[in-house]
Amino acid sequence: MTPERKARIEQVAAGRHPDLTVFLERVHKAHNVAAILRTCDAVGVLEAHAVPPTGGIPPLNHTAQGAQRWVKLHRHHDAGEGLRSLKAKGFSLYAAHFSDQAVDFRQPDYTQPTAIVMGTEKFGVSEEALAECDGEIVIPMAGMTQSLNVSVATALILYEAQRQRQAAGMYKPHSLEEEPWKSLAESWIRRDLDRRRNPPPEPDSD
């Protein structure tokens, strides 16, 4: 591993936010999950959460650009259990959901520990999940369509969270002598070295 590669890994690890996450409820298209993980990586989210659809999350495709190696995805059996576990850790839960109670997605304070709850485009966030959430948010729409692709909507909300956190000075790198950033950097470096020593086999070509 070159010094530049090691420094890059350490820099990214030191900038991760353990108190900002997304919770995906049965998002079933692999390219949407992949795109969301890619955005999580881009804004510095440490971990993501999901209740997989029936049959599980399909293998992630090239859309992820390897982001699944840098953003750990925790799987939960059901929404209530998963969301309650986040609430117990001090997270506020905001569901992207059309309702009379929903507020503009730019209104919540994302500088606090926050989980963004996203459902499928067809069914949205379930009543079970909504019952656990602290609030509902909506992205204003001025066109004929009533919703955005779930990965696009997640990206808009996460970048608003990034904007607020940058304004609050929360993107200063953490010390790699502190947890969880120390263990994160060490594990990433070990994994990167292992991949270089034992590269995955090339796919067969027809």
C-alpha atoms as a PDB file:
ATOM      1  CA  MET A   1       0.000   0.000   0.000  1.00  0.00           C
ATOM      2  CA  THR A   2       1.376   3.396  -0.948  1.00  0.00           C
ATOM      3  CA  PRO A   3       1.626   6.139   1.679  1.00  0.00           C
ATOM      4  CA  GLU A   4      -0.860   8.146  -0.372  1.00  0.00           C
ATOM      5  CA  ARG A   5      -3.432   5.341  -0.318  1.00  0.00           C
ATOM      6  CA  LYS A   6      -3.026   4.856   3.437  1.00  0.00           C
ATOM      7  CA  ALA A   7      -3.353   8.595   4.049  1.00  0.00           C
ATOM      8  CA  ARG A   8      -6.508   8.721   1.927  1.00  0.00           C
ATOM      9  CA  ILE A   9      -8.125   5.856   3.840  1.00  0.00           C
ATOM     10  CA  GLU A  10      -7.264   7.476   7.168  1.00  0.00           C
ATOM     11  CA  GLN A  11      -8.590  10.845   6.002  1.00  0.00           C
ATOM     12  CA  VAL A  12     -11.938   9.386   4.945  1.00  0.00           C
ATOM     13  CA  ALA A  13     -12.262   7.281   8.107  1.00  0.00           C
ATOM     14  CA  ALA A  14     -11.569  10.332  10.294  1.00  0.00           C
ATOM     15  CA  GLY A  15     -14.424  12.193   8.603  1.00  0.00           C
ATOM     16  CA  ARG A  16     -17.134   9.592   9.113  1.00  0.00           C
ATOM     17  CA  HIS A  17     -20.327  10.554  10.980  1.00  0.00           C
ATOM     18  CA  PRO A  18     -21.624   7.791  13.272  1.00  0.00           C
ATOM     19  CA  ASP A  19     -24.663   9.907  14.231  1.00  0.00           C
ATOM     20  CA  LEU A  20     -26.145  10.295  10.730  1.00  0.00           C
ATOM     21  CA  THR A  21     -27.713   7.331   8.982  1.00  0.00           C
ATOM     22  CA  VAL A  22     -30.440   6.103   6.662  1.00  0.00           C
ATOM     23  CA  PHE A  23     -32.976   3.338   7.307  1.00  0.00           C
ATOM     24  CA  LEU A  24     -34.330   1.637   4.186  1.00  0.00           C
ATOM     25  CA  GLU A  25     -37.621  -0.197   4.570  1.00  0.00           C
ATOM     26  CA  ARG A  26     -37.893  -2.934   1.951  1.00  0.00           C
ATOM     27  CA  VAL A  27     -36.243  -0.966  -0.853  1.00  0.00           C
ATOM     28  CA  HIS A  28     -36.115  -3.866  -3.288  1.00  0.00           C
ATOM     29  CA  LYS A  29     -34.203  -2.658  -6.353  1.00  0.00           C
ATOM     30  CA  ALA A  30     -30.491  -3.314  -6.102  1.00  0.00           C
ATOM     31  CA  HIS A  31     -29.542  -0.235  -8.123  1.00  0.00           C
ATOM     32  CA  ASN A  32     -31.469   2.011  -5.690  1.00  0.00           C
ATOM     33  CA  VAL A  33     -29.789   0.486  -2.646  1.00  0.00           C
ATOM     34  CA  ALA A  34     -26.431   0.785  -4.399  1.00  0.00           C
ATOM     35  CA  ALA A  35     -27.016   4.435  -5.284  1.00  0.00           C
ATOM     36  CA  ILE A  36     -28.074   5.246  -1.710  1.00  0.00           C
ATOM     37  CA  LEU A  37     -24.941   3.629  -0.273  1.00  0.00           C
ATOM     38  CA  ARG A  38     -22.853   5.597  -2.752  1.00  0.00           C
ATOM     39  CA  THR A  39     -24.437   8.847  -1.514  1.00  0.00           C
ATOM     40  CA  CYS A  40     -23.926   7.763   2.104  1.00  0.00           C
ATOM     41  CA  ASP A  41     -20.231   7.319   1.355  1.00  0.00           C
ATOM     42  CA  ALA A  42     -20.069  10.709  -0.364  1.00  0.00           C
ATOM     43  CA  VAL A  43     -21.501  12.634   2.603  1.00  0.00           C
ATOM     44  CA  GLY A  44     -19.577  10.688   5.258  1.00  0.00           C
ATOM     45  CA  VAL A  45     -22.243   8.396   6.703  1.00  0.00           C
ATOM     46  CA  LEU A  46     -20.610   5.650   8.762  1.00  0.00           C
ATOM     47  CA  GLU A  47     -23.342   2.988   8.634  1.00  0.00           C
ATOM     48  CA  ALA A  48     -26.719   2.400   6.977  1.00  0.00           C
ATOM     49  CA  HIS A  49     -29.652   0.213   7.983  1.00  0.00           C
ATOM     50  CA  ALA A  50     -32.221  -1.784   6.040  1.00  0.00           C
ATOM     51  CA  VAL A  51     -35.154  -4.125   6.377  1.00  0.00           C
ATOM     52  CA  PRO A  52     -34.565  -6.278   3.282  1.00  0.00           C
ATOM     53  CA  PRO A  53     -37.503  -7.082   1.004  1.00  0.00           C
ATOM     54  CA  THR A  54     -38.747 -10.645   0.702  1.00  0.00           C
ATOM     55  CA  GLY A  55     -35.883 -12.673  -0.702  1.00  0.00           C
ATOM     56  CA  GLY A  56     -33.262 -10.257   0.599  1.00  0.00           C
ATOM     57  CA  ILE A  57     -31.365  -7.450  -1.090  1.00  0.00           C
ATOM     58  CA  PRO A  58     -30.087  -8.607  -4.495  1.00  0.00           C
ATOM     59  CA  PRO A  59     -26.328  -8.389  -5.158  1.00  0.00           C
ATOM     60  CA  LEU A  60     -25.329  -4.750  -5.529  1.00  0.00           C
ATOM     61  CA  ASN A  61     -24.278  -3.725  -9.003  1.00  0.00           C
ATOM     62  CA  HIS A  62     -21.791  -1.281 -10.501  1.00  0.00           C
ATOM     63  CA  THR A  63     -23.972   1.659  -9.385  1.00  0.00           C
ATOM     64  CA  ALA A  64     -22.442   1.366  -5.916  1.00  0.00           C
ATOM     65  CA  GLN A  65     -18.924   1.991  -7.258  1.00  0.00           C
ATOM     66  CA  GLY A  66     -17.629  -0.101  -4.337  1.00  0.00           C
ATOM     67  CA  ALA A  67     -19.398   2.066  -1.732  1.00  0.00           C
ATOM     68  CA  GLN A  68     -20.639  -1.061   0.067  1.00  0.00           C
ATOM     69  CA  ARG A  69     -17.024  -1.631   1.153  1.00  0.00           C
ATOM     70  CA  TRP A  70     -16.958   1.731   2.951  1.00  0.00           C
ATOM     71  CA  VAL A  71     -20.511   1.971   4.365  1.00  0.00           C
ATOM     72  CA  LYS A  72     -21.571  -0.967   6.502  1.00  0.00           C
ATOM     73  CA  LEU A  73     -25.179  -2.046   5.916  1.00  0.00           C
ATOM     74  CA  HIS A  74     -26.971  -3.455   8.969  1.00  0.00           C
ATOM     75  CA  ARG A  75     -29.956  -5.694   8.188  1.00  0.00           C
ATOM     76  CA  HIS A  76     -32.988  -5.864  10.502  1.00  0.00           C
ATOM     77  CA  HIS A  77     -35.834  -8.390  10.618  1.00  0.00           C
ATOM     78  CA  ASP A  78     -38.548  -5.746  10.886  1.00  0.00           C
ATOM     79  CA  ALA A  79     -38.879  -1.969  10.898  1.00  0.00           C
ATOM     80  CA  GLY A  80     -40.100  -1.627  14.473  1.00  0.00           C
ATOM     81  CA  GLU A  81     -37.166  -3.537  15.936  1.00  0.00           C
ATOM     82  CA  GLY A  82     -34.614  -1.694  13.836  1.00  0.00           C
ATOM     83  CA  LEU A  83     -35.992   1.770  14.468  1.00  0.00           C
ATOM     84  CA  ARG A  84     -36.374   1.191  18.197  1.00  0.00           C
ATOM     85  CA  SER A  85     -32.706   0.168  18.346  1.00  0.00           C
ATOM     86  CA  LEU A  86     -31.745   3.503  16.765  1.00  0.00           C
ATOM     87  CA  LYS A  87     -34.016   5.470  19.114  1.00  0.00           C
ATOM     88  CA  ALA A  88     -32.367   3.728  22.066  1.00  0.00           C
ATOM     89  CA  LYS A  89     -29.046   5.117  20.821  1.00  0.00           C
ATOM     90  CA  GLY A  90     -30.420   8.679  20.797  1.00  0.00           C
ATOM     91  CA  PHE A  91     -31.323   9.057  17.120  1.00  0.00           C
ATOM     92  CA  SER A  92     -34.227  11.200  15.984  1.00  0.00           C
ATOM     93  CA  LEU A  93     -36.153   9.436  13.216  1.00  0.00           C
ATOM     94  CA  TYR A  94     -37.565  11.336  10.233  1.00  0.00           C
ATOM     95  CA  ALA A  95     -39.650   9.493   7.661  1.00  0.00           C
ATOM     96  CA  ALA A  96     -39.896  10.729   4.093  1.00  0.00           C
ATOM     97  CA  HIS A  97     -43.675  10.505   3.810  1.00  0.00           C
ATOM     98  CA  PHE A  98     -46.508  12.487   2.232  1.00  0.00           C
ATOM     99  CA  SER A  99     -48.991  13.503   4.932  1.00  0.00           C
ATOM    100  CA  ASP A 100     -50.650  16.535   6.473  1.00  0.00           C
ATOM    101  CA  GLN A 101     -48.073  16.402   9.281  1.00  0.00           C
ATOM    102  CA  ALA A 102     -45.035  16.350   6.981  1.00  0.00           C
ATOM    103  CA  VAL A 103     -42.768  19.398   6.966  1.00  0.00           C
ATOM    104  CA  ASP A 104     -40.291  20.615   4.378  1.00  0.00           C
ATOM    105  CA  PHE A 105     -37.253  18.321   4.466  1.00  0.00           C
ATOM    106  CA  ARG A 106     -35.007  21.340   5.160  1.00  0.00           C
ATOM    107  CA  GLN A 107     -36.694  22.159   8.478  1.00  0.00           C
ATOM    108  CA  PRO A 108     -35.372  19.445  10.851  1.00  0.00           C
ATOM    109  CA  ASP A 109     -32.083  19.959  12.663  1.00  0.00           C
ATOM    110  CA  TYR A 110     -29.800  17.353  11.146  1.00  0.00           C
ATOM    111  CA  THR A 111     -26.874  18.372  13.325  1.00  0.00           C
ATOM    112  CA  GLN A 112     -28.435  16.160  16.002  1.00  0.00           C
ATOM    113  CA  PRO A 113     -28.181  12.352  15.782  1.00  0.00           C
ATOM    114  CA  THR A 114     -30.533  11.621  12.893  1.00  0.00           C
ATOM    115  CA  ALA A 115     -31.852   8.654  10.938  1.00  0.00           C
ATOM    116  CA  ILE A 116     -33.650   9.251   7.635  1.00  0.00           C
ATOM    117  CA  VAL A 117     -36.315   6.599   7.049  1.00  0.00           C
ATOM    118  CA  MET A 118     -37.077   5.781   3.412  1.00  0.00           C
ATOM    119  CA  GLY A 119     -39.663   3.383   2.003  1.00  0.00           C
ATOM    120  CA  THR A 120     -40.379   2.049  -1.452  1.00  0.00           C
ATOM    121  CA  GLU A 121     -41.693   4.362  -4.151  1.00  0.00           C
ATOM    122  CA  LYS A 122     -44.848   2.266  -4.544  1.00  0.00           C
ATOM    123  CA  PHE A 123     -45.830   1.762  -0.904  1.00  0.00           C
ATOM    124  CA  GLY A 124     -43.833   4.364   1.028  1.00  0.00           C
ATOM    125  CA  VAL A 125     -43.003   4.016   4.708  1.00  0.00           C
ATOM    126  CA  SER A 126     -45.209   1.524   6.550  1.00  0.00           C
ATOM    127  CA  GLU A 127     -47.570   2.431   9.375  1.00  0.00           C
ATOM    128  CA  GLU A 128     -45.410   0.310  11.679  1.00  0.00           C
ATOM    129  CA  ALA A 129     -42.355   2.403  10.863  1.00  0.00           C
ATOM    130  CA  LEU A 130     -44.238   5.709  11.022  1.00  0.00           C
ATOM    131  CA  ALA A 131     -45.383   4.866  14.546  1.00  0.00           C
ATOM    132  CA  GLU A 132     -41.737   4.857  15.662  1.00  0.00           C
ATOM    133  CA  CYS A 133     -40.722   8.080  13.892  1.00  0.00           C
ATOM    134  CA  ASP A 134     -40.382  11.500  15.512  1.00  0.00           C
ATOM    135  CA  GLY A 135     -41.495  13.394  12.431  1.00  0.00           C
ATOM    136  CA  GLU A 136     -42.341  13.232   8.749  1.00  0.00           C
ATOM    137  CA  ILE A 137     -40.659  15.198   5.984  1.00  0.00           C
ATOM    138  CA  VAL A 138     -41.500  15.899   2.375  1.00  0.00           C
ATOM    139  CA  ILE A 139     -39.616  17.237  -0.639  1.00  0.00           C
ATOM    140  CA  PRO A 140     -41.708  19.984  -2.295  1.00  0.00           C
ATOM    141  CA  MET A 141     -42.846  19.044  -5.810  1.00  0.00           C
ATOM    142  CA  ALA A 142     -43.917  21.612  -8.404  1.00  0.00           C
ATOM    143  CA  GLY A 143     -44.447  19.269 -11.342  1.00  0.00           C
ATOM    144  CA  MET A 144     -46.957  16.661 -12.439  1.00  0.00           C
ATOM    145  CA  THR A 145     -45.081  13.766 -10.821  1.00  0.00           C
ATOM    146  CA  GLN A 146     -45.808  13.121  -7.165  1.00  0.00           C
ATOM    147  CA  SER A 147     -42.519  11.624  -6.030  1.00  0.00           C
ATOM    148  CA  LEU A 148     -38.836  11.284  -6.810  1.00  0.00           C
ATOM    149  CA  ASN A 149     -36.871   8.089  -7.210  1.00  0.00           C
ATOM    150  CA  VAL A 150     -36.015   6.850  -3.711  1.00  0.00           C
ATOM    151  CA  SER A 151     -32.266   7.157  -4.272  1.00  0.00           C
ATOM    152  CA  VAL A 152     -32.636  10.718  -5.581  1.00  0.00           C
ATOM    153  CA  ALA A 153     -34.845  11.702  -2.645  1.00  0.00           C
ATOM    154  CA  THR A 154     -32.381  10.195  -0.176  1.00  0.00           C
ATOM    155  CA  ALA A 155     -29.533  12.105  -1.796  1.00  0.00           C
ATOM    156  CA  LEU A 156     -31.367  15.440  -1.498  1.00  0.00           C
ATOM    157  CA  ILE A 157     -32.067  14.883   2.200  1.00  0.00           C
ATOM    158  CA  LEU A 158     -28.540  13.700   2.989  1.00  0.00           C
ATOM    159  CA  TYR A 159     -26.993  16.692   1.242  1.00  0.00           C
ATOM    160  CA  GLU A 160     -29.216  19.011   3.268  1.00  0.00           C
ATOM    161  CA  ALA A 161     -27.894  17.250   6.365  1.00  0.00           C
ATOM    162  CA  GLN A 162     -24.368  17.729   5.064  1.00  0.00           C
ATOM    163  CA  ARG A 163     -25.020  21.435   4.432  1.00  0.00           C
ATOM    164  CA  GLN A 164     -26.247  21.950   7.997  1.00  0.00           C
ATOM    165  CA  ARG A 165     -23.376  19.990   9.488  1.00  0.00           C
ATOM    166  CA  GLN A 166     -20.761  21.810   7.442  1.00  0.00           C
ATOM    167  CA  ALA A 167     -22.209  25.145   8.589  1.00  0.00           C
ATOM    168  CA  ALA A 168     -21.944  23.900  12.169  1.00  0.00           C
ATOM    169  CA  GLY A 169     -18.287  22.919  11.716  1.00  0.00           C
ATOM    170  CA  MET A 170     -19.001  19.206  12.047  1.00  0.00           C
ATOM    171  CA  TYR A 171     -16.844  18.081   9.130  1.00  0.00           C
ATOM    172  CA  LYS A 172     -13.550  18.652  10.886  1.00  0.00           C
ATOM    173  CA  PRO A 173     -11.658  15.326  10.960  1.00  0.00           C
ATOM    174  CA  HIS A 174     -11.690  13.331  14.175  1.00  0.00           C
ATOM    175  CA  SER A 175      -8.555  12.057  15.852  1.00  0.00           C
ATOM    176  CA  LEU A 176      -7.636   8.528  14.844  1.00  0.00           C
ATOM    177  CA  GLU A 177      -6.729   7.948  18.474  1.00  0.00           C
ATOM    178  CA  GLU A 178     -10.464   8.040  19.275  1.00  0.00           C
ATOM    179  CA  GLU A 179     -13.154   5.437  18.711  1.00  0.00           C
ATOM    180  CA  PRO A 180     -14.864   4.487  16.471  1.00  0.00           C
ATOM    181  CA  TRP A 181     -12.550   6.210  13.999  1.00  0.00           C
ATOM    182  CA  LYS A 182      -9.401   4.403  15.187  1.00  0.00           C
ATOM    183  CA  SER A 183     -10.865   0.918  14.707  1.00  0.00           C
ATOM    184  CA  LEU A 184     -12.518   1.964  11.458  1.00  0.00           C
ATOM    185  CA  ALA A 185      -9.273   3.152   9.872  1.00  0.00           C
ATOM    186  CA  GLU A 186      -7.403   0.054  11.038  1.00  0.00           C
ATOM    187  CA  SER A 187     -10.036  -2.332   9.673  1.00  0.00           C
ATOM    188  CA  TRP A 188     -10.189  -0.521   6.328  1.00  0.00           C
ATOM    189  CA  ILE A 189      -6.411  -0.647   5.961  1.00  0.00           C
ATOM    190  CA  ARG A 190      -6.307  -4.372   6.805  1.00  0.00           C
ATOM    191  CA  ARG A 191      -9.084  -5.114   4.326  1.00  0.00           C
ATOM    192  CA  ASP A 192      -7.450  -3.049   1.600  1.00  0.00           C
ATOM    193  CA  LEU A 193      -4.166  -4.884   2.098  1.00  0.00           C
ATOM    194  CA  ASP A 194      -5.980  -8.235   1.969  1.00  0.00           C
ATOM    195  CA  ARG A 195      -7.689  -7.287  -1.287  1.00  0.00           C
ATOM    196  CA  ARG A 196      -4.370  -6.365  -2.824  1.00  0.00           C
ATOM    197  CA  ARG A 197      -2.727  -9.590  -1.673  1.00  0.00           C
ATOM    198  CA  ASN A 198      -5.703 -11.707  -2.769  1.00  0.00           C
ATOM    199  CA  PRO A 199      -7.486  -9.894  -5.604  1.00  0.00           C
ATOM    200  CA  PRO A 200     -10.934 -11.215  -6.560  1.00  0.00           C
ATOM    201  CA  PRO A 201     -11.001 -13.434  -9.657  1.00  0.00           C
ATOM    202  CA  GLU A 202     -11.735 -11.823 -12.982  1.00  0.00           C
ATOM    203  CA  PRO A 203     -15.270 -12.524 -14.234  1.00  0.00           C
ATOM    204  CA  ASP A 204     -15.550 -15.031 -17.050  1.00  0.00           C
ATOM    205  CA  SER A 205     -16.118 -13.514 -20.478  1.00  0.00           C
ATOM    206  CA  ASP A 206     -18.224 -15.117 -23.177  1.00  0.00           C
END
